[in-house]
Each structure stands twice: as structure tokens, then as C-alpha cells.
Amino acid sequence: MIRLAILASGSGSNAEKIMEHFQTSSKAEVALVASNKAEAFVLERAKKFNVPTFTFSRKEMDAGILLEKLKEEKIDWVILAGFLLKIPVELTRAFPDRMVNIHPALLPKYGGKGMYGSHVHEAVKAAGEKETGITIHLVNENYDEGRIVFQASVALDDLDTPESIAAKVHMLEHRHFPLVIEELLTQSST
């Protein structure tokens, strides 16, 4: 059984969809939900699925505590689902081509440091984009620059607000992220 760890910093709606998707899987299980914020609602969502949780600070992550925990839990894949800290190089090297992130825009547009959540949707609106979407990519040592494995788009119009753009993007995230993860796992095991 492939063991997944989800890293998240906030509410965890994507994490919940992933836990839901894999709760009956014979291929993979969510073995850990880890967050850099002790108050993150994702930790409550994990309890609902009886998934163990782990919290850590940026300093602890940079010191290798998170990597030690992932090794201790025999984690095979790391899933970033709304995780806001930059991943240390040692962590990306420990999971080459086995760490995946979802970004709420069509990379390479609107990616990089500081481009997350509402910041992305506000930038998309300000630029007058006619479409936006999601990008699922492997993680490397640079923000949002890993190999793109999947993109899906949604049309926008002049009436869209950053909030309505966020709602459209969330629908794409929830629909596609668990399925793309499953496909990546299938590809990696063949």
C-alpha cells in the first residue's frame, strides 16, 4: 500500500477530498496530515477520517524534523494541498518525482513567491483574464516551477470577482486533484 502524507496550512478542503477519495482505495492510503499551523482546520478534517496529524514550525521543518517524521511514517508520496511554506531542498531531494502540488492558476502565469489563494485570484481579475484554472505539478526547489502534470481551465467573464473566480477554481481542484494523484501513483508503480 502506497503511503501518502498531505501537507496543508489552512482549511483543507482539497485534503478532505483526497482523504475521501483514498479511504476505500486498495492502492494508497493517506497515512499522515501535517501542518505548519496548529490551528489549521485541516487537522480537524483529518480526525474525521482517523488520519494521524503532525504539526511543526518553519524552523523545525528547516531543521529536518518534518523529513524525519515522513521517514518514520514510511511515507512514499507527499501531497501539498494549500501548503504555504517553501519546501526545503533536502525534502524535495528525499521525494524526487514523488511530491506533488496544486496551484490555483494556469502556470507559468500567476506563480511564484506570494502567489497563493486570494492573491492569485485578485491578480487574475486585475489582469482581465478570460480564463484561469488549476495546475498540478511535481515539486522542485523553486516555487511553482516543477514539471506540470495536469492543467484544467475555466472561462471567466467581466462579472467575475476574485471570490467567484476562487469558487470556480475550487470546483476544478476538488474534481481533479484526487484523480490526478491516483494517476501519478499508477504511473509510478508500473
N, C-alpha and C. Protein backbone atom coordinates (compact mmCIF):
# COMPACT_ATOMS: atom_id res chain seq x y z
N MET A 1 0.84 -1.18 0.00
CA MET A 1 0.00 0.00 0.00
C MET A 1 0.88 1.24 0.00
N ILE A 2 0.62 2.15 -0.94
CA ILE A 2 1.37 3.40 -1.02
C ILE A 2 0.90 4.34 0.08
N ARG A 3 1.85 4.90 0.83
CA ARG A 3 1.51 5.77 1.96
C ARG A 3 1.70 7.24 1.56
N LEU A 4 0.62 8.00 1.70
CA LEU A 4 0.61 9.41 1.33
C LEU A 4 0.63 10.28 2.57
N ALA A 5 1.33 11.40 2.48
CA ALA A 5 1.26 12.45 3.51
C ALA A 5 0.76 13.70 2.82
N ILE A 6 -0.18 14.38 3.45
CA ILE A 6 -0.69 15.65 2.94
C ILE A 6 -0.14 16.76 3.82
N LEU A 7 0.45 17.77 3.18
CA LEU A 7 0.89 18.98 3.89
C LEU A 7 -0.07 20.09 3.54
N ALA A 8 -0.62 20.74 4.55
CA ALA A 8 -1.58 21.82 4.33
C ALA A 8 -1.42 22.87 5.42
N SER A 9 -1.75 24.11 5.09
CA SER A 9 -1.61 25.21 6.05
C SER A 9 -2.94 25.80 6.49
N GLY A 10 -4.04 25.40 5.85
CA GLY A 10 -5.30 26.09 6.14
C GLY A 10 -6.49 25.18 6.34
N SER A 11 -7.57 25.52 5.67
CA SER A 11 -8.86 24.86 5.84
C SER A 11 -8.83 23.39 5.45
N GLY A 12 -8.16 23.09 4.35
CA GLY A 12 -8.00 21.68 3.99
C GLY A 12 -9.11 21.07 3.17
N SER A 13 -9.83 21.86 2.38
CA SER A 13 -10.91 21.27 1.58
C SER A 13 -10.35 20.31 0.53
N ASN A 14 -9.21 20.63 -0.07
CA ASN A 14 -8.59 19.69 -1.01
C ASN A 14 -8.11 18.44 -0.28
N ALA A 15 -7.53 18.62 0.89
CA ALA A 15 -7.07 17.48 1.68
C ALA A 15 -8.24 16.55 1.98
N GLU A 16 -9.37 17.13 2.32
CA GLU A 16 -10.56 16.31 2.62
C GLU A 16 -10.98 15.49 1.40
N LYS A 17 -10.98 16.11 0.23
CA LYS A 17 -11.36 15.38 -0.99
C LYS A 17 -10.37 14.24 -1.27
N ILE A 18 -9.11 14.47 -0.98
CA ILE A 18 -8.10 13.43 -1.18
C ILE A 18 -8.31 12.29 -0.17
N MET A 19 -8.53 12.63 1.10
CA MET A 19 -8.78 11.60 2.12
C MET A 19 -10.03 10.79 1.77
N GLU A 20 -11.06 11.48 1.32
CA GLU A 20 -12.31 10.84 0.92
C GLU A 20 -12.05 9.86 -0.23
N HIS A 21 -11.31 10.32 -1.21
CA HIS A 21 -11.04 9.52 -2.41
C HIS A 21 -10.27 8.24 -2.07
N PHE A 22 -9.28 8.35 -1.19
CA PHE A 22 -8.42 7.20 -0.92
C PHE A 22 -8.86 6.35 0.27
N GLN A 23 -9.95 6.73 0.95
CA GLN A 23 -10.33 5.96 2.15
C GLN A 23 -10.72 4.52 1.83
N THR A 24 -11.15 4.24 0.60
CA THR A 24 -11.51 2.87 0.24
C THR A 24 -10.57 2.29 -0.81
N SER A 25 -9.47 2.95 -1.06
CA SER A 25 -8.52 2.51 -2.08
C SER A 25 -7.73 1.29 -1.61
N SER A 26 -7.47 0.40 -2.55
CA SER A 26 -6.60 -0.73 -2.24
C SER A 26 -5.16 -0.43 -2.66
N LYS A 27 -4.96 0.73 -3.29
CA LYS A 27 -3.66 1.12 -3.81
C LYS A 27 -2.89 2.04 -2.87
N ALA A 28 -3.60 2.99 -2.24
CA ALA A 28 -2.92 4.01 -1.43
C ALA A 28 -3.79 4.42 -0.26
N GLU A 29 -3.11 4.95 0.76
CA GLU A 29 -3.83 5.46 1.93
C GLU A 29 -3.18 6.78 2.37
N VAL A 30 -4.01 7.67 2.89
CA VAL A 30 -3.47 8.88 3.49
C VAL A 30 -3.04 8.49 4.90
N ALA A 31 -1.74 8.47 5.12
CA ALA A 31 -1.18 7.98 6.38
C ALA A 31 -0.87 9.11 7.36
N LEU A 32 -0.85 10.36 6.86
CA LEU A 32 -0.47 11.49 7.72
C LEU A 32 -0.96 12.79 7.09
N VAL A 33 -1.47 13.67 7.95
CA VAL A 33 -1.75 15.06 7.56
C VAL A 33 -0.88 15.92 8.46
N ALA A 34 -0.04 16.74 7.84
CA ALA A 34 0.88 17.57 8.60
C ALA A 34 0.65 19.04 8.25
N SER A 35 0.76 19.90 9.26
CA SER A 35 0.54 21.32 9.05
C SER A 35 1.54 22.15 9.84
N ASN A 36 1.86 23.30 9.28
CA ASN A 36 2.73 24.25 9.97
C ASN A 36 1.92 25.18 10.86
N LYS A 37 0.61 24.95 10.96
CA LYS A 37 -0.25 25.79 11.80
C LYS A 37 -1.10 24.90 12.70
N ALA A 38 -0.90 25.02 13.99
CA ALA A 38 -1.62 24.18 14.95
C ALA A 38 -3.12 24.41 14.91
N GLU A 39 -3.54 25.61 14.46
CA GLU A 39 -4.97 25.93 14.41
C GLU A 39 -5.61 25.66 13.05
N ALA A 40 -4.86 25.10 12.11
CA ALA A 40 -5.38 24.84 10.76
C ALA A 40 -6.54 23.85 10.82
N PHE A 41 -7.62 24.18 10.13
CA PHE A 41 -8.82 23.34 10.16
C PHE A 41 -8.58 21.98 9.48
N VAL A 42 -7.56 21.88 8.65
CA VAL A 42 -7.25 20.61 8.01
C VAL A 42 -7.02 19.52 9.05
N LEU A 43 -6.52 19.89 10.22
CA LEU A 43 -6.26 18.91 11.28
C LEU A 43 -7.57 18.32 11.80
N GLU A 44 -8.62 19.14 11.86
CA GLU A 44 -9.95 18.64 12.25
C GLU A 44 -10.51 17.70 11.18
N ARG A 45 -10.31 18.09 9.93
CA ARG A 45 -10.79 17.26 8.82
C ARG A 45 -10.12 15.88 8.87
N ALA A 46 -8.83 15.85 9.20
CA ALA A 46 -8.10 14.58 9.27
C ALA A 46 -8.69 13.66 10.33
N LYS A 47 -9.08 14.25 11.47
CA LYS A 47 -9.66 13.45 12.56
C LYS A 47 -10.91 12.70 12.08
N LYS A 48 -11.69 13.36 11.23
CA LYS A 48 -12.91 12.76 10.69
C LYS A 48 -12.62 11.46 9.95
N PHE A 49 -11.42 11.37 9.37
CA PHE A 49 -11.02 10.19 8.61
C PHE A 49 -10.05 9.30 9.39
N ASN A 50 -9.88 9.61 10.68
CA ASN A 50 -8.94 8.86 11.53
C ASN A 50 -7.52 8.84 10.97
N VAL A 51 -7.13 9.95 10.38
CA VAL A 51 -5.77 10.08 9.84
C VAL A 51 -4.92 10.79 10.89
N PRO A 52 -3.77 10.23 11.25
CA PRO A 52 -2.88 10.87 12.22
C PRO A 52 -2.43 12.25 11.72
N THR A 53 -2.19 13.15 12.66
CA THR A 53 -1.76 14.50 12.31
C THR A 53 -0.43 14.83 12.98
N PHE A 54 0.22 15.84 12.42
CA PHE A 54 1.52 16.27 12.92
C PHE A 54 1.64 17.76 12.65
N THR A 55 2.08 18.52 13.66
CA THR A 55 2.30 19.95 13.45
C THR A 55 3.77 20.27 13.69
N PHE A 56 4.22 21.29 13.00
CA PHE A 56 5.63 21.66 13.06
C PHE A 56 5.76 23.14 12.71
N SER A 57 6.84 23.73 13.11
CA SER A 57 7.13 25.13 12.77
C SER A 57 8.03 25.18 11.53
N ARG A 58 8.15 26.37 10.95
CA ARG A 58 9.07 26.53 9.83
C ARG A 58 10.49 26.15 10.26
N LYS A 59 10.87 26.57 11.46
CA LYS A 59 12.21 26.28 11.98
C LYS A 59 12.42 24.77 12.09
N GLU A 60 11.41 24.06 12.59
CA GLU A 60 11.51 22.60 12.71
C GLU A 60 11.59 21.94 11.34
N MET A 61 10.81 22.46 10.38
CA MET A 61 10.87 21.91 9.03
C MET A 61 12.26 22.11 8.45
N ASP A 62 12.78 23.33 8.58
CA ASP A 62 14.11 23.63 8.05
C ASP A 62 15.21 22.81 8.74
N ALA A 63 14.96 22.42 9.98
CA ALA A 63 15.94 21.62 10.73
C ALA A 63 15.81 20.11 10.45
N GLY A 64 14.86 19.74 9.60
CA GLY A 64 14.73 18.34 9.22
C GLY A 64 13.74 17.53 10.03
N ILE A 65 13.02 18.16 10.95
CA ILE A 65 12.05 17.43 11.80
C ILE A 65 10.93 16.83 10.96
N LEU A 66 10.42 17.60 9.99
CA LEU A 66 9.35 17.09 9.13
C LEU A 66 9.85 15.90 8.31
N LEU A 67 11.01 16.02 7.74
CA LEU A 67 11.57 14.92 6.95
C LEU A 67 11.74 13.67 7.81
N GLU A 68 12.21 13.84 9.04
CA GLU A 68 12.33 12.69 9.96
C GLU A 68 10.98 12.03 10.18
N LYS A 69 9.95 12.83 10.38
CA LYS A 69 8.61 12.30 10.62
C LYS A 69 8.10 11.54 9.38
N LEU A 70 8.32 12.09 8.20
CA LEU A 70 7.89 11.42 6.97
C LEU A 70 8.60 10.08 6.80
N LYS A 71 9.87 10.04 7.13
CA LYS A 71 10.62 8.77 7.06
C LYS A 71 10.11 7.78 8.10
N GLU A 72 9.89 8.28 9.31
CA GLU A 72 9.39 7.44 10.41
C GLU A 72 8.05 6.80 10.04
N GLU A 73 7.20 7.58 9.34
CA GLU A 73 5.88 7.08 8.93
C GLU A 73 5.91 6.30 7.61
N LYS A 74 7.13 6.11 7.06
CA LYS A 74 7.30 5.36 5.81
C LYS A 74 6.44 5.93 4.67
N ILE A 75 6.49 7.25 4.54
CA ILE A 75 5.71 7.95 3.52
C ILE A 75 6.37 7.76 2.16
N ASP A 76 5.54 7.44 1.15
CA ASP A 76 6.02 7.23 -0.21
C ASP A 76 5.85 8.48 -1.08
N TRP A 77 4.74 9.19 -0.87
CA TRP A 77 4.42 10.38 -1.67
C TRP A 77 4.00 11.50 -0.73
N VAL A 78 4.37 12.73 -1.08
CA VAL A 78 3.96 13.92 -0.33
C VAL A 78 3.07 14.77 -1.23
N ILE A 79 1.90 15.12 -0.70
CA ILE A 79 0.92 15.91 -1.44
C ILE A 79 0.80 17.28 -0.77
N LEU A 80 1.05 18.33 -1.52
CA LEU A 80 0.89 19.69 -1.00
C LEU A 80 -0.50 20.18 -1.40
N ALA A 81 -1.32 20.46 -0.41
CA ALA A 81 -2.69 20.88 -0.66
C ALA A 81 -2.94 22.17 0.13
N GLY A 82 -2.52 23.28 -0.45
CA GLY A 82 -2.65 24.55 0.27
C GLY A 82 -1.58 24.70 1.33
N PHE A 83 -0.39 24.24 1.02
CA PHE A 83 0.74 24.38 1.94
C PHE A 83 1.52 25.61 1.53
N LEU A 84 1.71 26.54 2.47
CA LEU A 84 2.21 27.87 2.12
C LEU A 84 3.69 28.11 2.35
N LEU A 85 4.41 27.16 2.92
CA LEU A 85 5.84 27.36 3.13
C LEU A 85 6.63 26.79 1.95
N LYS A 86 7.78 27.40 1.69
CA LYS A 86 8.67 26.87 0.66
C LYS A 86 9.30 25.58 1.20
N ILE A 87 9.31 24.57 0.37
CA ILE A 87 9.83 23.26 0.76
C ILE A 87 11.36 23.30 0.74
N PRO A 88 12.00 22.88 1.83
CA PRO A 88 13.47 22.83 1.84
C PRO A 88 14.00 21.86 0.78
N VAL A 89 15.17 22.17 0.25
CA VAL A 89 15.78 21.35 -0.80
C VAL A 89 15.94 19.90 -0.34
N GLU A 90 16.32 19.69 0.92
CA GLU A 90 16.52 18.32 1.43
C GLU A 90 15.23 17.51 1.32
N LEU A 91 14.11 18.16 1.52
CA LEU A 91 12.82 17.47 1.45
C LEU A 91 12.47 17.14 0.00
N THR A 92 12.71 18.08 -0.93
CA THR A 92 12.43 17.77 -2.34
C THR A 92 13.33 16.65 -2.84
N ARG A 93 14.57 16.63 -2.37
CA ARG A 93 15.50 15.58 -2.79
C ARG A 93 15.12 14.21 -2.22
N ALA A 94 14.48 14.22 -1.06
CA ALA A 94 14.08 12.95 -0.43
C ALA A 94 12.88 12.32 -1.15
N PHE A 95 12.13 13.14 -1.91
CA PHE A 95 10.95 12.65 -2.62
C PHE A 95 11.00 13.07 -4.09
N PRO A 96 12.05 12.68 -4.82
CA PRO A 96 12.15 13.10 -6.22
C PRO A 96 11.00 12.52 -7.05
N ASP A 97 10.30 13.39 -7.74
CA ASP A 97 9.15 13.00 -8.57
C ASP A 97 8.07 12.28 -7.75
N ARG A 98 8.08 12.49 -6.43
CA ARG A 98 7.05 11.89 -5.57
C ARG A 98 6.48 12.94 -4.61
N MET A 99 6.56 14.19 -5.04
CA MET A 99 5.96 15.29 -4.28
C MET A 99 5.18 16.12 -5.28
N VAL A 100 3.90 16.32 -5.01
CA VAL A 100 3.03 16.99 -5.97
C VAL A 100 2.28 18.14 -5.29
N ASN A 101 2.07 19.21 -6.05
CA ASN A 101 1.41 20.41 -5.55
C ASN A 101 0.28 20.80 -6.50
N ILE A 102 -0.71 21.48 -5.96
CA ILE A 102 -1.76 22.06 -6.79
C ILE A 102 -1.67 23.58 -6.65
N HIS A 103 -1.77 24.26 -7.79
CA HIS A 103 -1.69 25.73 -7.81
C HIS A 103 -2.97 26.27 -8.44
N PRO A 104 -3.56 27.34 -7.86
CA PRO A 104 -4.85 27.83 -8.33
C PRO A 104 -4.77 28.79 -9.51
N ALA A 105 -3.96 28.47 -10.51
CA ALA A 105 -3.86 29.25 -11.74
C ALA A 105 -3.20 28.38 -12.80
N LEU A 106 -3.20 28.89 -14.02
CA LEU A 106 -2.58 28.17 -15.12
C LEU A 106 -1.11 28.59 -15.23
N LEU A 107 -0.27 27.85 -14.54
CA LEU A 107 1.17 28.16 -14.58
C LEU A 107 1.66 28.07 -16.02
N PRO A 108 2.63 28.88 -16.42
CA PRO A 108 3.51 29.67 -15.57
C PRO A 108 2.94 31.03 -15.12
N LYS A 109 1.72 31.35 -15.57
CA LYS A 109 1.12 32.61 -15.11
C LYS A 109 0.77 32.53 -13.63
N TYR A 110 0.94 33.64 -12.94
CA TYR A 110 0.49 33.82 -11.55
C TYR A 110 1.06 32.78 -10.59
N GLY A 111 2.33 32.48 -10.76
CA GLY A 111 3.01 31.57 -9.85
C GLY A 111 4.15 32.30 -9.15
N GLY A 112 4.79 31.61 -8.25
CA GLY A 112 5.95 32.15 -7.56
C GLY A 112 5.65 32.62 -6.15
N LYS A 113 6.66 33.17 -5.53
CA LYS A 113 6.56 33.61 -4.14
C LYS A 113 5.42 34.61 -3.96
N GLY A 114 4.60 34.39 -2.95
CA GLY A 114 3.50 35.29 -2.65
C GLY A 114 2.23 35.06 -3.46
N MET A 115 2.30 34.18 -4.45
CA MET A 115 1.13 33.92 -5.29
C MET A 115 0.42 32.66 -4.79
N TYR A 116 -0.53 32.88 -3.89
CA TYR A 116 -1.33 31.79 -3.36
C TYR A 116 -2.70 32.34 -3.02
N GLY A 117 -3.68 31.44 -2.98
CA GLY A 117 -5.04 31.79 -2.57
C GLY A 117 -5.59 33.03 -3.24
N SER A 118 -6.15 33.92 -2.43
CA SER A 118 -6.83 35.11 -2.96
C SER A 118 -5.89 36.03 -3.74
N HIS A 119 -4.60 36.01 -3.41
CA HIS A 119 -3.63 36.84 -4.15
C HIS A 119 -3.65 36.47 -5.64
N VAL A 120 -3.75 35.19 -5.92
CA VAL A 120 -3.78 34.71 -7.31
C VAL A 120 -5.05 35.20 -7.99
N HIS A 121 -6.20 34.99 -7.34
CA HIS A 121 -7.48 35.33 -7.97
C HIS A 121 -7.61 36.84 -8.18
N GLU A 122 -7.08 37.63 -7.25
CA GLU A 122 -7.10 39.09 -7.41
C GLU A 122 -6.23 39.50 -8.60
N ALA A 123 -5.09 38.86 -8.77
CA ALA A 123 -4.20 39.17 -9.90
C ALA A 123 -4.84 38.77 -11.23
N VAL A 124 -5.50 37.63 -11.25
CA VAL A 124 -6.18 37.17 -12.46
C VAL A 124 -7.28 38.17 -12.85
N LYS A 125 -8.06 38.61 -11.87
CA LYS A 125 -9.12 39.59 -12.12
C LYS A 125 -8.54 40.91 -12.59
N ALA A 126 -7.50 41.39 -11.92
CA ALA A 126 -6.89 42.68 -12.27
C ALA A 126 -6.33 42.66 -13.69
N ALA A 127 -5.87 41.50 -14.15
CA ALA A 127 -5.30 41.39 -15.49
C ALA A 127 -6.38 41.23 -16.57
N GLY A 128 -7.62 41.05 -16.15
CA GLY A 128 -8.71 40.89 -17.12
C GLY A 128 -8.66 39.58 -17.88
N GLU A 129 -8.12 38.55 -17.26
CA GLU A 129 -8.02 37.25 -17.92
C GLU A 129 -9.41 36.71 -18.30
N LYS A 130 -9.47 36.01 -19.43
CA LYS A 130 -10.72 35.39 -19.89
C LYS A 130 -10.82 33.93 -19.45
N GLU A 131 -9.74 33.42 -18.89
CA GLU A 131 -9.78 32.07 -18.32
C GLU A 131 -8.73 31.96 -17.23
N THR A 132 -8.97 31.03 -16.34
CA THR A 132 -8.00 30.66 -15.32
C THR A 132 -8.16 29.17 -15.10
N GLY A 133 -7.55 28.66 -14.06
CA GLY A 133 -7.70 27.23 -13.83
C GLY A 133 -6.79 26.74 -12.75
N ILE A 134 -6.40 25.47 -12.88
CA ILE A 134 -5.52 24.83 -11.91
C ILE A 134 -4.34 24.21 -12.63
N THR A 135 -3.25 24.10 -11.91
CA THR A 135 -2.08 23.39 -12.38
C THR A 135 -1.65 22.42 -11.28
N ILE A 136 -1.47 21.18 -11.66
CA ILE A 136 -0.92 20.18 -10.74
C ILE A 136 0.47 19.87 -11.26
N HIS A 137 1.46 20.02 -10.38
CA HIS A 137 2.85 19.86 -10.82
C HIS A 137 3.69 19.17 -9.76
N LEU A 138 4.76 18.56 -10.22
CA LEU A 138 5.72 17.99 -9.30
C LEU A 138 6.49 19.13 -8.65
N VAL A 139 7.00 18.90 -7.46
CA VAL A 139 7.65 19.96 -6.69
C VAL A 139 9.16 19.83 -6.84
N ASN A 140 9.79 20.97 -7.11
CA ASN A 140 11.25 21.03 -7.08
C ASN A 140 11.66 22.13 -6.09
N GLU A 141 12.89 22.57 -6.16
CA GLU A 141 13.36 23.53 -5.15
C GLU A 141 12.88 24.96 -5.39
N ASN A 142 12.19 25.23 -6.50
CA ASN A 142 11.68 26.58 -6.78
C ASN A 142 10.16 26.61 -6.73
N TYR A 143 9.60 27.74 -6.25
CA TYR A 143 8.15 27.90 -6.21
C TYR A 143 7.54 27.67 -7.59
N ASP A 144 6.59 26.74 -7.68
CA ASP A 144 5.73 26.58 -8.85
C ASP A 144 6.47 26.35 -10.16
N GLU A 145 7.66 25.74 -10.10
CA GLU A 145 8.42 25.52 -11.33
C GLU A 145 8.62 24.06 -11.68
N GLY A 146 8.09 23.14 -10.87
CA GLY A 146 8.25 21.72 -11.17
C GLY A 146 7.47 21.32 -12.41
N ARG A 147 7.78 20.14 -12.92
CA ARG A 147 7.14 19.65 -14.15
C ARG A 147 5.61 19.59 -14.00
N ILE A 148 4.93 20.21 -14.95
CA ILE A 148 3.47 20.24 -14.94
C ILE A 148 2.95 18.88 -15.40
N VAL A 149 2.03 18.30 -14.61
CA VAL A 149 1.46 17.01 -14.97
C VAL A 149 0.00 17.12 -15.41
N PHE A 150 -0.65 18.24 -15.05
CA PHE A 150 -2.07 18.38 -15.40
C PHE A 150 -2.49 19.84 -15.29
N GLN A 151 -3.33 20.28 -16.22
CA GLN A 151 -3.96 21.59 -16.11
C GLN A 151 -5.42 21.47 -16.55
N ALA A 152 -6.27 22.24 -15.93
CA ALA A 152 -7.67 22.34 -16.34
C ALA A 152 -8.04 23.82 -16.25
N SER A 153 -8.87 24.26 -17.19
CA SER A 153 -9.21 25.69 -17.21
C SER A 153 -10.71 25.90 -17.10
N VAL A 154 -11.05 27.13 -16.76
CA VAL A 154 -12.45 27.54 -16.65
C VAL A 154 -12.55 28.95 -17.22
N ALA A 155 -13.65 29.21 -17.93
CA ALA A 155 -13.86 30.52 -18.54
C ALA A 155 -14.24 31.55 -17.47
N LEU A 156 -13.81 32.78 -17.71
CA LEU A 156 -14.16 33.90 -16.85
C LEU A 156 -14.86 34.96 -17.68
N ASP A 157 -15.65 35.79 -17.01
CA ASP A 157 -16.25 36.93 -17.70
C ASP A 157 -16.09 38.18 -16.85
N ASP A 158 -16.53 39.30 -17.39
CA ASP A 158 -16.32 40.58 -16.72
C ASP A 158 -17.01 40.67 -15.37
N LEU A 159 -18.06 39.87 -15.17
CA LEU A 159 -18.80 39.92 -13.92
C LEU A 159 -18.12 39.13 -12.79
N ASP A 160 -17.14 38.31 -13.14
CA ASP A 160 -16.46 37.53 -12.11
C ASP A 160 -15.70 38.44 -11.15
N THR A 161 -15.74 38.06 -9.89
CA THR A 161 -15.00 38.75 -8.83
C THR A 161 -13.89 37.79 -8.36
N PRO A 162 -12.93 38.26 -7.59
CA PRO A 162 -11.95 37.31 -7.05
C PRO A 162 -12.61 36.15 -6.30
N GLU A 163 -13.72 36.43 -5.63
CA GLU A 163 -14.43 35.38 -4.87
C GLU A 163 -15.09 34.37 -5.80
N SER A 164 -15.71 34.83 -6.88
CA SER A 164 -16.34 33.88 -7.81
C SER A 164 -15.29 33.10 -8.59
N ILE A 165 -14.16 33.75 -8.87
CA ILE A 165 -13.04 33.05 -9.51
C ILE A 165 -12.55 31.93 -8.59
N ALA A 166 -12.40 32.25 -7.30
CA ALA A 166 -11.96 31.25 -6.32
C ALA A 166 -12.92 30.06 -6.29
N ALA A 167 -14.23 30.33 -6.33
CA ALA A 167 -15.22 29.25 -6.30
C ALA A 167 -15.09 28.35 -7.53
N LYS A 168 -14.88 28.96 -8.69
CA LYS A 168 -14.72 28.17 -9.92
C LYS A 168 -13.46 27.32 -9.85
N VAL A 169 -12.39 27.90 -9.34
CA VAL A 169 -11.12 27.18 -9.24
C VAL A 169 -11.23 26.03 -8.23
N HIS A 170 -11.91 26.28 -7.10
CA HIS A 170 -12.09 25.21 -6.10
C HIS A 170 -12.82 24.02 -6.70
N MET A 171 -13.81 24.28 -7.53
CA MET A 171 -14.55 23.17 -8.17
C MET A 171 -13.59 22.31 -9.01
N LEU A 172 -12.71 22.98 -9.76
CA LEU A 172 -11.73 22.23 -10.55
C LEU A 172 -10.78 21.44 -9.66
N GLU A 173 -10.31 22.08 -8.58
CA GLU A 173 -9.38 21.41 -7.66
C GLU A 173 -10.00 20.15 -7.10
N HIS A 174 -11.22 20.28 -6.59
CA HIS A 174 -11.88 19.15 -5.93
C HIS A 174 -12.19 18.03 -6.92
N ARG A 175 -12.52 18.38 -8.15
CA ARG A 175 -12.84 17.38 -9.16
C ARG A 175 -11.59 16.63 -9.63
N HIS A 176 -10.48 17.34 -9.82
CA HIS A 176 -9.33 16.74 -10.49
C HIS A 176 -8.19 16.26 -9.59
N PHE A 177 -7.91 16.94 -8.49
CA PHE A 177 -6.70 16.64 -7.73
C PHE A 177 -6.61 15.17 -7.27
N PRO A 178 -7.66 14.61 -6.64
CA PRO A 178 -7.55 13.20 -6.22
C PRO A 178 -7.32 12.25 -7.40
N LEU A 179 -7.97 12.51 -8.53
CA LEU A 179 -7.84 11.63 -9.69
C LEU A 179 -6.44 11.72 -10.31
N VAL A 180 -5.89 12.92 -10.35
CA VAL A 180 -4.54 13.09 -10.90
C VAL A 180 -3.51 12.42 -9.98
N ILE A 181 -3.71 12.54 -8.66
CA ILE A 181 -2.81 11.85 -7.72
C ILE A 181 -2.86 10.35 -7.98
N GLU A 182 -4.06 9.81 -8.12
CA GLU A 182 -4.20 8.38 -8.36
C GLU A 182 -3.48 7.97 -9.65
N GLU A 183 -3.62 8.79 -10.69
CA GLU A 183 -2.95 8.51 -11.97
C GLU A 183 -1.43 8.54 -11.80
N LEU A 184 -0.91 9.50 -11.06
CA LEU A 184 0.53 9.59 -10.81
C LEU A 184 1.02 8.34 -10.07
N LEU A 185 0.25 7.89 -9.09
CA LEU A 185 0.62 6.68 -8.34
C LEU A 185 0.66 5.47 -9.25
N THR A 186 -0.32 5.38 -10.13
CA THR A 186 -0.39 4.25 -11.09
C THR A 186 0.82 4.28 -12.02
N GLN A 187 1.15 5.47 -12.53
CA GLN A 187 2.30 5.60 -13.43
C GLN A 187 3.60 5.24 -12.73
N SER A 188 3.72 5.63 -11.46
CA SER A 188 4.98 5.41 -10.75
C SER A 188 5.19 3.95 -10.35
N SER A 189 4.09 3.21 -10.27
CA SER A 189 4.21 1.82 -9.83
C SER A 189 4.32 0.84 -11.00
N THR A 190 4.30 1.37 -12.24
CA THR A 190 4.42 0.47 -13.39
C THR A 190 5.82 0.48 -13.94
